[in-house]
PDB file of N, CA and C in Angstrom:
ATOM      1  N   MET A   1     -12.533  14.541  -3.839  1.00  0.00           N
ATOM      2  CA  MET A   1     -12.533  13.518  -4.882  1.00  0.00           C
ATOM      3  C   MET A   1     -11.217  12.741  -4.822  1.00  0.00           C
ATOM      4  N   ILE A   2     -11.315  11.456  -4.978  1.00  0.00           N
ATOM      5  CA  ILE A   2     -10.123  10.613  -4.926  1.00  0.00           C
ATOM      6  C   ILE A   2      -9.561  10.462  -6.338  1.00  0.00           C
ATOM      7  N   ASN A   3      -8.257  10.683  -6.449  1.00  0.00           N
ATOM      8  CA  ASN A   3      -7.538  10.506  -7.708  1.00  0.00           C
ATOM      9  C   ASN A   3      -6.140   9.986  -7.371  1.00  0.00           C
ATOM     10  N   ASN A   4      -5.279   9.844  -8.382  1.00  0.00           N
ATOM     11  CA  ASN A   4      -3.938   9.320  -8.137  1.00  0.00           C
ATOM     12  C   ASN A   4      -3.151  10.183  -7.159  1.00  0.00           C
ATOM     13  N   ASP A   5      -3.293  11.503  -7.249  1.00  0.00           N
ATOM     14  CA  ASP A   5      -2.579  12.398  -6.336  1.00  0.00           C
ATOM     15  C   ASP A   5      -3.014  12.160  -4.892  1.00  0.00           C
ATOM     16  N   TYR A   6      -4.305  11.973  -4.694  1.00  0.00           N
ATOM     17  CA  TYR A   6      -4.829  11.712  -3.355  1.00  0.00           C
ATOM     18  C   TYR A   6      -4.261  10.398  -2.811  1.00  0.00           C
ATOM     19  N   VAL A   7      -4.290   9.349  -3.640  1.00  0.00           N
ATOM     20  CA  VAL A   7      -3.794   8.041  -3.205  1.00  0.00           C
ATOM     21  C   VAL A   7      -2.294   8.119  -2.918  1.00  0.00           C
ATOM     22  N   ARG A   8      -1.555   8.879  -3.708  1.00  0.00           N
ATOM     23  CA  ARG A   8      -0.120   9.073  -3.462  1.00  0.00           C
ATOM     24  C   ARG A   8       0.102   9.691  -2.078  1.00  0.00           C
ATOM     25  N   GLY A   9      -0.633  10.735  -1.750  1.00  0.00           N
ATOM     26  CA  GLY A   9      -0.515  11.366  -0.444  1.00  0.00           C
ATOM     27  C   GLY A   9      -0.937  10.441   0.677  1.00  0.00           C
ATOM     28  N   TYR A  10      -1.991   9.684   0.434  1.00  0.00           N
ATOM     29  CA  TYR A  10      -2.470   8.731   1.438  1.00  0.00           C
ATOM     30  C   TYR A  10      -1.426   7.640   1.666  1.00  0.00           C
ATOM     31  N   PHE A  11      -0.822   7.163   0.576  1.00  0.00           N
ATOM     32  CA  PHE A  11       0.240   6.164   0.700  1.00  0.00           C
ATOM     33  C   PHE A  11       1.416   6.731   1.497  1.00  0.00           C
ATOM     34  N   ASP A  12       1.803   7.958   1.194  1.00  0.00           N
ATOM     35  CA  ASP A  12       2.921   8.578   1.906  1.00  0.00           C
ATOM     36  C   ASP A  12       2.641   8.707   3.397  1.00  0.00           C
ATOM     37  N   ALA A  13       1.386   8.904   3.764  1.00  0.00           N
ATOM     38  CA  ALA A  13       1.020   9.063   5.172  1.00  0.00           C
ATOM     39  C   ALA A  13       0.707   7.737   5.866  1.00  0.00           C
ATOM     40  N   HIS A  14       0.112   6.783   5.151  1.00  0.00           N
ATOM     41  CA  HIS A  14      -0.399   5.564   5.784  1.00  0.00           C
ATOM     42  C   HIS A  14       0.100   4.282   5.122  1.00  0.00           C
ATOM     43  N   GLY A  15       1.110   4.378   4.280  1.00  0.00           N
ATOM     44  CA  GLY A  15       1.521   3.203   3.534  1.00  0.00           C
ATOM     45  C   GLY A  15       2.966   2.827   3.727  1.00  0.00           C
ATOM     46  N   ARG A  16       3.281   1.697   3.138  1.00  0.00           N
ATOM     47  CA  ARG A  16       4.658   1.221   3.112  1.00  0.00           C
ATOM     48  C   ARG A  16       4.806   0.220   1.983  1.00  0.00           C
ATOM     49  N   ILE A  17       6.037  -0.020   1.594  1.00  0.00           N
ATOM     50  CA  ILE A  17       6.332  -1.088   0.656  1.00  0.00           C
ATOM     51  C   ILE A  17       7.348  -1.986   1.343  1.00  0.00           C
ATOM     52  N   TRP A  18       7.114  -3.266   1.274  1.00  0.00           N
ATOM     53  CA  TRP A  18       8.015  -4.190   1.951  1.00  0.00           C
ATOM     54  C   TRP A  18       8.127  -5.474   1.148  1.00  0.00           C
ATOM     55  N   CYS A  19       9.204  -6.172   1.390  1.00  0.00           N
ATOM     56  CA  CYS A  19       9.462  -7.431   0.702  1.00  0.00           C
ATOM     57  C   CYS A  19       9.006  -8.569   1.595  1.00  0.00           C
ATOM     58  N   ARG A  20       8.087  -9.349   1.088  1.00  0.00           N
ATOM     59  CA  ARG A  20       7.572 -10.458   1.898  1.00  0.00           C
ATOM     60  C   ARG A  20       8.231 -11.789   1.543  1.00  0.00           C
ATOM     61  N   SER A  21       9.266 -11.738   0.714  1.00  0.00           N
ATOM     62  CA  SER A  21      10.005 -12.934   0.344  1.00  0.00           C
ATOM     63  C   SER A  21      11.423 -12.841   0.895  1.00  0.00           C
ATOM     64  N   LYS A  22      11.905 -13.909   1.441  1.00  0.00           N
ATOM     65  CA  LYS A  22      13.276 -13.951   1.956  1.00  0.00           C
ATOM     66  C   LYS A  22      14.286 -14.255   0.851  1.00  0.00           C
ATOM     67  N   ASN A  23      13.796 -14.655  -0.321  1.00  0.00           N
ATOM     68  CA  ASN A  23      14.675 -14.987  -1.443  1.00  0.00           C
ATOM     69  C   ASN A  23      15.109 -13.707  -2.140  1.00  0.00           C
ATOM     70  N   ARG A  24      16.357 -13.342  -2.023  1.00  0.00           N
ATOM     71  CA  ARG A  24      16.814 -12.077  -2.594  1.00  0.00           C
ATOM     72  C   ARG A  24      16.881 -12.098  -4.120  1.00  0.00           C
ATOM     73  N   HIS A  25      16.847 -13.296  -4.719  1.00  0.00           N
ATOM     74  CA  HIS A  25      16.904 -13.391  -6.177  1.00  0.00           C
ATOM     75  C   HIS A  25      15.543 -13.131  -6.827  1.00  0.00           C
ATOM     76  N   THR A  26      14.476 -13.445  -6.114  1.00  0.00           N
ATOM     77  CA  THR A  26      13.121 -13.189  -6.618  1.00  0.00           C
ATOM     78  C   THR A  26      12.285 -12.546  -5.505  1.00  0.00           C
ATOM     79  N   PRO A  27      12.554 -11.291  -5.199  1.00  0.00           N
ATOM     80  CA  PRO A  27      11.788 -10.638  -4.128  1.00  0.00           C
ATOM     81  C   PRO A  27      10.324 -10.469  -4.508  1.00  0.00           C
ATOM     82  N   GLN A  28       9.464 -10.590  -3.528  1.00  0.00           N
ATOM     83  CA  GLN A  28       8.030 -10.376  -3.710  1.00  0.00           C
ATOM     84  C   GLN A  28       7.640  -9.144  -2.909  1.00  0.00           C
ATOM     85  N   TRP A  29       7.472  -8.025  -3.615  1.00  0.00           N
ATOM     86  CA  TRP A  29       7.158  -6.753  -2.977  1.00  0.00           C
ATOM     87  C   TRP A  29       5.667  -6.621  -2.740  1.00  0.00           C
ATOM     88  N   CYS A  30       5.324  -5.885  -1.721  1.00  0.00           N
ATOM     89  CA  CYS A  30       3.927  -5.665  -1.363  1.00  0.00           C
ATOM     90  C   CYS A  30       3.737  -4.193  -1.002  1.00  0.00           C
ATOM     91  N   ILE A  31       2.720  -3.569  -1.587  1.00  0.00           N
ATOM     92  CA  ILE A  31       2.299  -2.217  -1.218  1.00  0.00           C
ATOM     93  C   ILE A  31       1.210  -2.392  -0.168  1.00  0.00           C
ATOM     94  N   GLU A  32       1.311  -1.652   0.921  1.00  0.00           N
ATOM     95  CA  GLU A  32       0.338  -1.817   1.996  1.00  0.00           C
ATOM     96  C   GLU A  32      -0.072  -0.461   2.561  1.00  0.00           C
ATOM     97  N   PHE A  33      -1.364  -0.310   2.770  1.00  0.00           N
ATOM     98  CA  PHE A  33      -1.930   0.846   3.453  1.00  0.00           C
ATOM     99  C   PHE A  33      -2.511   0.333   4.760  1.00  0.00           C
ATOM    100  N   GLU A  34      -2.364   1.103   5.825  1.00  0.00           N
ATOM    101  CA  GLU A  34      -2.965   0.716   7.096  1.00  0.00           C
ATOM    102  C   GLU A  34      -3.491   1.962   7.793  1.00  0.00           C
ATOM    103  N   ASP A  35      -4.707   1.858   8.340  1.00  0.00           N
ATOM    104  CA  ASP A  35      -5.332   3.018   8.967  1.00  0.00           C
ATOM    105  C   ASP A  35      -6.407   2.540   9.932  1.00  0.00           C
ATOM    106  N   ARG A  36      -6.673   3.332  10.945  1.00  0.00           N
ATOM    107  CA  ARG A  36      -7.784   3.054  11.858  1.00  0.00           C
ATOM    108  C   ARG A  36      -9.110   3.497  11.262  1.00  0.00           C
ATOM    109  N   ASP A  37      -9.069   4.474  10.376  1.00  0.00           N
ATOM    110  CA  ASP A  37     -10.276   5.047   9.778  1.00  0.00           C
ATOM    111  C   ASP A  37     -10.782   4.138   8.649  1.00  0.00           C
ATOM    112  N   ALA A  38     -11.784   3.309   8.967  1.00  0.00           N
ATOM    113  CA  ALA A  38     -12.304   2.336   8.005  1.00  0.00           C
ATOM    114  C   ALA A  38     -12.911   3.007   6.778  1.00  0.00           C
ATOM    115  N   ASP A  39     -13.594   4.132   6.945  1.00  0.00           N
ATOM    116  CA  ASP A  39     -14.214   4.809   5.810  1.00  0.00           C
ATOM    117  C   ASP A  39     -13.156   5.344   4.847  1.00  0.00           C
ATOM    118  N   GLN A  40     -12.121   5.924   5.397  1.00  0.00           N
ATOM    119  CA  GLN A  40     -11.061   6.509   4.577  1.00  0.00           C
ATOM    120  C   GLN A  40     -10.341   5.438   3.754  1.00  0.00           C
ATOM    121  N   ILE A  41      -9.960   4.364   4.394  1.00  0.00           N
ATOM    122  CA  ILE A  41      -9.218   3.324   3.689  1.00  0.00           C
ATOM    123  C   ILE A  41     -10.122   2.601   2.681  1.00  0.00           C
ATOM    124  N   LYS A  42     -11.425   2.525   2.971  1.00  0.00           N
ATOM    125  CA  LYS A  42     -12.361   1.911   2.011  1.00  0.00           C
ATOM    126  C   LYS A  42     -12.452   2.746   0.746  1.00  0.00           C
ATOM    127  N   ARG A  43     -12.403   4.073   0.876  1.00  0.00           N
ATOM    128  CA  ARG A  43     -12.423   4.928  -0.322  1.00  0.00           C
ATOM    129  C   ARG A  43     -11.203   4.672  -1.198  1.00  0.00           C
ATOM    130  N   VAL A  44     -10.056   4.510  -0.576  1.00  0.00           N
ATOM    131  CA  VAL A  44      -8.838   4.209  -1.340  1.00  0.00           C
ATOM    132  C   VAL A  44      -8.946   2.827  -1.964  1.00  0.00           C
ATOM    133  N   TYR A  45      -9.433   1.860  -1.201  1.00  0.00           N
ATOM    134  CA  TYR A  45      -9.639   0.503  -1.719  1.00  0.00           C
ATOM    135  C   TYR A  45     -10.564   0.532  -2.934  1.00  0.00           C
ATOM    136  N   ASP A  46     -11.715   1.198  -2.804  1.00  0.00           N
ATOM    137  CA  ASP A  46     -12.676   1.266  -3.907  1.00  0.00           C
ATOM    138  C   ASP A  46     -12.069   1.929  -5.136  1.00  0.00           C
ATOM    139  N   TYR A  47     -11.286   2.982  -4.943  1.00  0.00           N
ATOM    140  CA  TYR A  47     -10.648   3.666  -6.064  1.00  0.00           C
ATOM    141  C   TYR A  47      -9.669   2.729  -6.779  1.00  0.00           C
ATOM    142  N   LEU A  48      -8.847   2.023  -6.006  1.00  0.00           N
ATOM    143  CA  LEU A  48      -7.878   1.109  -6.621  1.00  0.00           C
ATOM    144  C   LEU A  48      -8.575  -0.015  -7.375  1.00  0.00           C
ATOM    145  N   VAL A  49      -9.654  -0.556  -6.806  1.00  0.00           N
ATOM    146  CA  VAL A  49     -10.424  -1.605  -7.486  1.00  0.00           C
ATOM    147  C   VAL A  49     -11.024  -1.054  -8.773  1.00  0.00           C
ATOM    148  N   GLN A  50     -11.582   0.141  -8.713  1.00  0.00           N
ATOM    149  CA  GLN A  50     -12.163   0.777  -9.900  1.00  0.00           C
ATOM    150  C   GLN A  50     -11.109   0.947 -10.997  1.00  0.00           C
ATOM    151  N   LYS A  51      -9.865   1.231 -10.605  1.00  0.00           N
ATOM    152  CA  LYS A  51      -8.771   1.383 -11.568  1.00  0.00           C
ATOM    153  C   LYS A  51      -8.261   0.037 -12.086  1.00  0.00           C
ATOM    154  N   GLY A  52      -8.798  -1.068 -11.546  1.00  0.00           N
ATOM    155  CA  GLY A  52      -8.436  -2.388 -12.029  1.00  0.00           C
ATOM    156  C   GLY A  52      -7.330  -3.088 -11.263  1.00  0.00           C
ATOM    157  N   TYR A  53      -6.922  -2.529 -10.130  1.00  0.00           N
ATOM    158  CA  TYR A  53      -5.903  -3.179  -9.316  1.00  0.00           C
ATOM    159  C   TYR A  53      -6.472  -4.404  -8.619  1.00  0.00           C
ATOM    160  N   ILE A  54      -5.627  -5.411  -8.431  1.00  0.00           N
ATOM    161  CA  ILE A  54      -5.982  -6.567  -7.612  1.00  0.00           C
ATOM    162  C   ILE A  54      -5.580  -6.206  -6.193  1.00  0.00           C
ATOM    163  N   VAL A  55      -6.579  -6.001  -5.338  1.00  0.00           N
ATOM    164  CA  VAL A  55      -6.362  -5.464  -4.000  1.00  0.00           C
ATOM    165  C   VAL A  55      -7.030  -6.376  -2.982  1.00  0.00           C
ATOM    166  N   HIS A  56      -6.361  -6.578  -1.855  1.00  0.00           N
ATOM    167  CA  HIS A  56      -6.918  -7.359  -0.760  1.00  0.00           C
ATOM    168  C   HIS A  56      -7.084  -6.446   0.449  1.00  0.00           C
ATOM    169  N   SER A  57      -8.141  -6.670   1.203  1.00  0.00           N
ATOM    170  CA  SER A  57      -8.345  -5.855   2.401  1.00  0.00           C
ATOM    171  C   SER A  57      -8.678  -6.758   3.580  1.00  0.00           C
ATOM    172  N   GLN A  58      -8.383  -6.254   4.768  1.00  0.00           N
ATOM    173  CA  GLN A  58      -8.721  -6.981   5.988  1.00  0.00           C
ATOM    174  C   GLN A  58      -8.789  -6.000   7.148  1.00  0.00           C
ATOM    175  N   SER A  59      -9.518  -6.393   8.156  1.00  0.00           N
ATOM    176  CA  SER A  59      -9.563  -5.660   9.414  1.00  0.00           C
ATOM    177  C   SER A  59      -9.057  -6.600  10.492  1.00  0.00           C
ATOM    178  N   TYR A  60      -8.396  -6.041  11.492  1.00  0.00           N
ATOM    179  CA  TYR A  60      -7.898  -6.858  12.583  1.00  0.00           C
ATOM    180  C   TYR A  60      -7.798  -6.004  13.842  1.00  0.00           C
ATOM    181  N   VAL A  61      -7.630  -6.657  14.958  1.00  0.00           N
ATOM    182  CA  VAL A  61      -7.469  -5.964  16.232  1.00  0.00           C
ATOM    183  C   VAL A  61      -5.988  -5.994  16.598  1.00  0.00           C
ATOM    184  N   ASP A  62      -5.415  -4.827  16.799  1.00  0.00           N
ATOM    185  CA  ASP A  62      -4.017  -4.684  17.202  1.00  0.00           C
ATOM    186  C   ASP A  62      -3.969  -4.663  18.726  1.00  0.00           C
ATOM    187  N   LEU A  63      -3.221  -5.577  19.293  1.00  0.00           N
ATOM    188  CA  LEU A  63      -3.101  -5.663  20.748  1.00  0.00           C
ATOM    189  C   LEU A  63      -1.799  -5.001  21.186  1.00  0.00           C
ATOM    190  N   GLY A  64      -1.639  -3.741  20.850  1.00  0.00           N
ATOM    191  CA  GLY A  64      -0.414  -3.010  21.125  1.00  0.00           C
ATOM    192  C   GLY A  64      -0.264  -2.613  22.578  1.00  0.00           C
ATOM    193  N   ALA A  65       0.829  -1.940  22.865  1.00  0.00           N
ATOM    194  CA  ALA A  65       1.161  -1.514  24.222  1.00  0.00           C
ATOM    195  C   ALA A  65       0.119  -0.559  24.798  1.00  0.00           C
ATOM    196  N   LEU A  66      -0.577   0.161  23.924  1.00  0.00           N
ATOM    197  CA  LEU A  66      -1.581   1.123  24.380  1.00  0.00           C
ATOM    198  C   LEU A  66      -2.981   0.518  24.462  1.00  0.00           C
ATOM    199  N   GLY A  67      -3.083  -0.787  24.287  1.00  0.00           N
ATOM    200  CA  GLY A  67      -4.376  -1.454  24.343  1.00  0.00           C
ATOM    201  C   GLY A  67      -4.868  -1.843  22.962  1.00  0.00           C
ATOM    202  N   GLU A  68      -6.055  -2.401  22.919  1.00  0.00           N
ATOM    203  CA  GLU A  68      -6.637  -2.861  21.660  1.00  0.00           C
ATOM    204  C   GLU A  68      -7.057  -1.697  20.784  1.00  0.00           C
ATOM    205  N   SER A  69      -6.821  -1.844  19.484  1.00  0.00           N
ATOM    206  CA  SER A  69      -7.353  -0.886  18.525  1.00  0.00           C
ATOM    207  C   SER A  69      -7.634  -1.623  17.225  1.00  0.00           C
ATOM    208  N   LYS A  70      -8.742  -1.282  16.593  1.00  0.00           N
ATOM    209  CA  LYS A  70      -9.097  -1.904  15.331  1.00  0.00           C
ATOM    210  C   LYS A  70      -8.307  -1.235  14.216  1.00  0.00           C
ATOM    211  N   ARG A  71      -7.696  -2.031  13.366  1.00  0.00           N
ATOM    212  CA  ARG A  71      -6.890  -1.539  12.253  1.00  0.00           C
ATOM    213  C   ARG A  71      -7.459  -2.105  10.951  1.00  0.00           C
ATOM    214  N   ASN A  72      -7.273  -1.370   9.878  1.00  0.00           N
ATOM    215  CA  ASN A  72      -7.733  -1.785   8.555  1.00  0.00           C
ATOM    216  C   ASN A  72      -6.530  -1.756   7.628  1.00  0.00           C
ATOM    217  N   ARG A  73      -6.432  -2.776   6.791  1.00  0.00           N
ATOM    218  CA  ARG A  73      -5.278  -2.914   5.913  1.00  0.00           C
ATOM    219  C   ARG A  73      -5.732  -3.199   4.490  1.00  0.00           C
ATOM    220  N   VAL A  74      -5.052  -2.578   3.538  1.00  0.00           N
ATOM    221  CA  VAL A  74      -5.258  -2.831   2.107  1.00  0.00           C
ATOM    222  C   VAL A  74      -3.891  -3.182   1.529  1.00  0.00           C
ATOM    223  N   GLN A  75      -3.840  -4.265   0.748  1.00  0.00           N
ATOM    224  CA  GLN A  75      -2.570  -4.701   0.169  1.00  0.00           C
ATOM    225  C   GLN A  75      -2.675  -4.925  -1.329  1.00  0.00           C
ATOM    226  N   ILE A  76      -1.612  -4.546  -2.002  1.00  0.00           N
ATOM    227  CA  ILE A  76      -1.400  -4.881  -3.410  1.00  0.00           C
ATOM    228  C   ILE A  76      -0.178  -5.783  -3.407  1.00  0.00           C
ATOM    229  N   GLY A  77      -0.355  -7.048  -3.790  1.00  0.00           N
ATOM    230  CA  GLY A  77       0.725  -8.006  -3.621  1.00  0.00           C
ATOM    231  C   GLY A  77       1.277  -8.659  -4.871  1.00  0.00           C
ATOM    232  N   HIS A  78       0.583  -8.551  -5.978  1.00  0.00           N
ATOM    233  CA  HIS A  78       1.087  -9.152  -7.212  1.00  0.00           C
ATOM    234  C   HIS A  78       2.179  -8.255  -7.797  1.00  0.00           C
ATOM    235  N   SER A  79       3.276  -8.848  -8.240  1.00  0.00           N
ATOM    236  CA  SER A  79       4.428  -8.049  -8.680  1.00  0.00           C
ATOM    237  C   SER A  79       4.079  -7.080  -9.799  1.00  0.00           C
ATOM    238  N   HIS A  80       3.261  -7.505 -10.762  1.00  0.00           N
ATOM    239  CA  HIS A  80       2.906  -6.594 -11.857  1.00  0.00           C
ATOM    240  C   HIS A  80       2.020  -5.444 -11.356  1.00  0.00           C
ATOM    241  N   GLU A  81       1.215  -5.709 -10.316  1.00  0.00           N
ATOM    242  CA  GLU A  81       0.374  -4.659  -9.737  1.00  0.00           C
ATOM    243  C   GLU A  81       1.214  -3.673  -8.919  1.00  0.00           C
ATOM    244  N   VAL A  82       2.224  -4.168  -8.224  1.00  0.00           N
ATOM    245  CA  VAL A  82       3.120  -3.296  -7.467  1.00  0.00           C
ATOM    246  C   VAL A  82       3.859  -2.370  -8.432  1.00  0.00           C
ATOM    247  N   LYS A  83       4.377  -2.915  -9.510  1.00  0.00           N
ATOM    248  CA  LYS A  83       5.078  -2.089 -10.506  1.00  0.00           C
ATOM    249  C   LYS A  83       4.130  -1.071 -11.133  1.00  0.00           C
ATOM    250  N   ARG A  84       2.918  -1.492 -11.402  1.00  0.00           N
ATOM    251  CA  ARG A  84       1.923  -0.564 -11.955  1.00  0.00           C
ATOM    252  C   ARG A  84       1.652   0.580 -10.981  1.00  0.00           C
ATOM    253  N   PHE A  85       1.494   0.270  -9.688  1.00  0.00           N
ATOM    254  CA  PHE A  85       1.279   1.297  -8.678  1.00  0.00           C
ATOM    255  C   PHE A  85       2.449   2.276  -8.666  1.00  0.00           C
ATOM    256  N   ILE A  86       3.655   1.757  -8.703  1.00  0.00           N
ATOM    257  CA  ILE A  86       4.847   2.605  -8.699  1.00  0.00           C
ATOM    258  C   ILE A  86       4.836   3.549  -9.894  1.00  0.00           C
ATOM    259  N   GLU A  87       4.514   3.031 -11.065  1.00  0.00           N
ATOM    260  CA  GLU A  87       4.543   3.841 -12.284  1.00  0.00           C
ATOM    261  C   GLU A  87       3.384   4.830 -12.362  1.00  0.00           C
ATOM    262  N   GLU A  88       2.189   4.440 -11.932  1.00  0.00           N
ATOM    263  CA  GLU A  88       1.007   5.289 -12.069  1.00  0.00           C
ATOM    264  C   GLU A  88       0.797   6.245 -10.899  1.00  0.00           C
ATOM    265  N   ILE A  89       1.103   5.798  -9.694  1.00  0.00           N
ATOM    266  CA  ILE A  89       0.787   6.584  -8.498  1.00  0.00           C
ATOM    267  C   ILE A  89       2.059   7.075  -7.821  1.00  0.00           C
ATOM    268  N   GLY A  90       2.950   6.176  -7.488  1.00  0.00           N
ATOM    269  CA  GLY A  90       4.241   6.555  -6.927  1.00  0.00           C
ATOM    270  C   GLY A  90       4.169   7.129  -5.527  1.00  0.00           C
ATOM    271  N   SER A  91       5.186   7.915  -5.192  1.00  0.00           N
ATOM    272  CA  SER A  91       5.327   8.503  -3.867  1.00  0.00           C
ATOM    273  C   SER A  91       6.130   9.785  -3.965  1.00  0.00           C
ATOM    274  N   GLU A  92       5.961  10.655  -2.973  1.00  0.00           N
ATOM    275  CA  GLU A  92       6.784  11.864  -2.866  1.00  0.00           C
ATOM    276  C   GLU A  92       7.855  11.705  -1.791  1.00  0.00           C
ATOM    277  N   ARG A  93       7.794  10.621  -1.025  1.00  0.00           N
ATOM    278  CA  ARG A  93       8.776  10.407   0.041  1.00  0.00           C
ATOM    279  C   ARG A  93      10.081   9.883  -0.559  1.00  0.00           C
ATOM    280  N   PRO A  94      11.199  10.525  -0.251  1.00  0.00           N
ATOM    281  CA  PRO A  94      12.481  10.108  -0.834  1.00  0.00           C
ATOM    282  C   PRO A  94      12.824   8.639  -0.590  1.00  0.00           C
ATOM    283  N   GLU A  95      12.540   8.119   0.597  1.00  0.00           N
ATOM    284  CA  GLU A  95      12.893   6.725   0.867  1.00  0.00           C
ATOM    285  C   GLU A  95      12.065   5.750   0.034  1.00  0.00           C
ATOM    286  N   TRP A  96      10.797   6.103  -0.241  1.00  0.00           N
ATOM    287  CA  TRP A  96       9.968   5.234  -1.097  1.00  0.00           C
ATOM    288  C   TRP A  96      10.402   5.374  -2.544  1.00  0.00           C
ATOM    289  N   LYS A  97      10.707   6.589  -2.985  1.00  0.00           N
ATOM    290  CA  LYS A  97      11.186   6.783  -4.359  1.00  0.00           C
ATOM    291  C   LYS A  97      12.436   5.963  -4.622  1.00  0.00           C
ATOM    292  N   GLU A  98      13.345   5.952  -3.645  1.00  0.00           N
ATOM    293  CA  GLU A  98      14.582   5.187  -3.790  1.00  0.00           C
ATOM    294  C   GLU A  98      14.284   3.690  -3.897  1.00  0.00           C
ATOM    295  N   ARG A  99      13.405   3.207  -3.052  1.00  0.00           N
ATOM    296  CA  ARG A  99      13.049   1.787  -3.111  1.00  0.00           C
ATOM    297  C   ARG A  99      12.304   1.468  -4.400  1.00  0.00           C
ATOM    298  N   PHE A 100      11.407   2.344  -4.818  1.00  0.00           N
ATOM    299  CA  PHE A 100      10.671   2.144  -6.069  1.00  0.00           C
ATOM    300  C   PHE A 100      11.639   2.031  -7.249  1.00  0.00           C
ATOM    301  N   ALA A 101      12.629   2.898  -7.281  1.00  0.00           N
ATOM    302  CA  ALA A 101      13.600   2.891  -8.373  1.00  0.00           C
ATOM    303  C   ALA A 101      14.331   1.545  -8.446  1.00  0.00           C
ATOM    304  N   LYS A 102      14.658   0.955  -7.315  1.00  0.00           N
ATOM    305  CA  LYS A 102      15.330  -0.344  -7.292  1.00  0.00           C
ATOM    306  C   LYS A 102      14.405  -1.459  -7.780  1.00  0.00           C
ATOM    307  N   ILE A 103      13.123  -1.340  -7.481  1.00  0.00           N
ATOM    308  CA  ILE A 103      12.176  -2.380  -7.886  1.00  0.00           C
ATOM    309  C   ILE A 103      11.950  -2.345  -9.393  1.00  0.00           C
ATOM    310  N   ILE A 104      11.830  -1.167  -9.946  1.00  0.00           N
ATOM    311  CA  ILE A 104      11.538  -1.005 -11.373  1.00  0.00           C
ATOM    312  C   ILE A 104      12.705  -1.457 -12.246  1.00  0.00           C
ATOM    313  N   THR A 105      13.949  -1.243 -11.773  1.00  0.00           N
ATOM    314  CA  THR A 105      15.103  -1.603 -12.609  1.00  0.00           C
ATOM    315  C   THR A 105      15.487  -3.048 -12.471  1.00  0.00           C
TER     316      THR A 105
END
């Protein structure tokens, strides 16, 4: 069953948070999950949508050094949604916790 704890673990394994704005005065943070397993990431996507998050998804082909591979991505990009994710779901990884703390304050 998917719940916040599951999504937290999934984020820790397949996610990242990054700033997509170059303006340091008004950073635009983005939560992103990426996985090759389309079924797995769809379950997380569906759970987040059910919880009321504004979530975007896409599939693409990665032309990496090891050849082509299909990748699936889910993003939470609105600042209030990113803060909500941090407060409700969070992370157990120290580097994400540190970044989350800076975003919230």
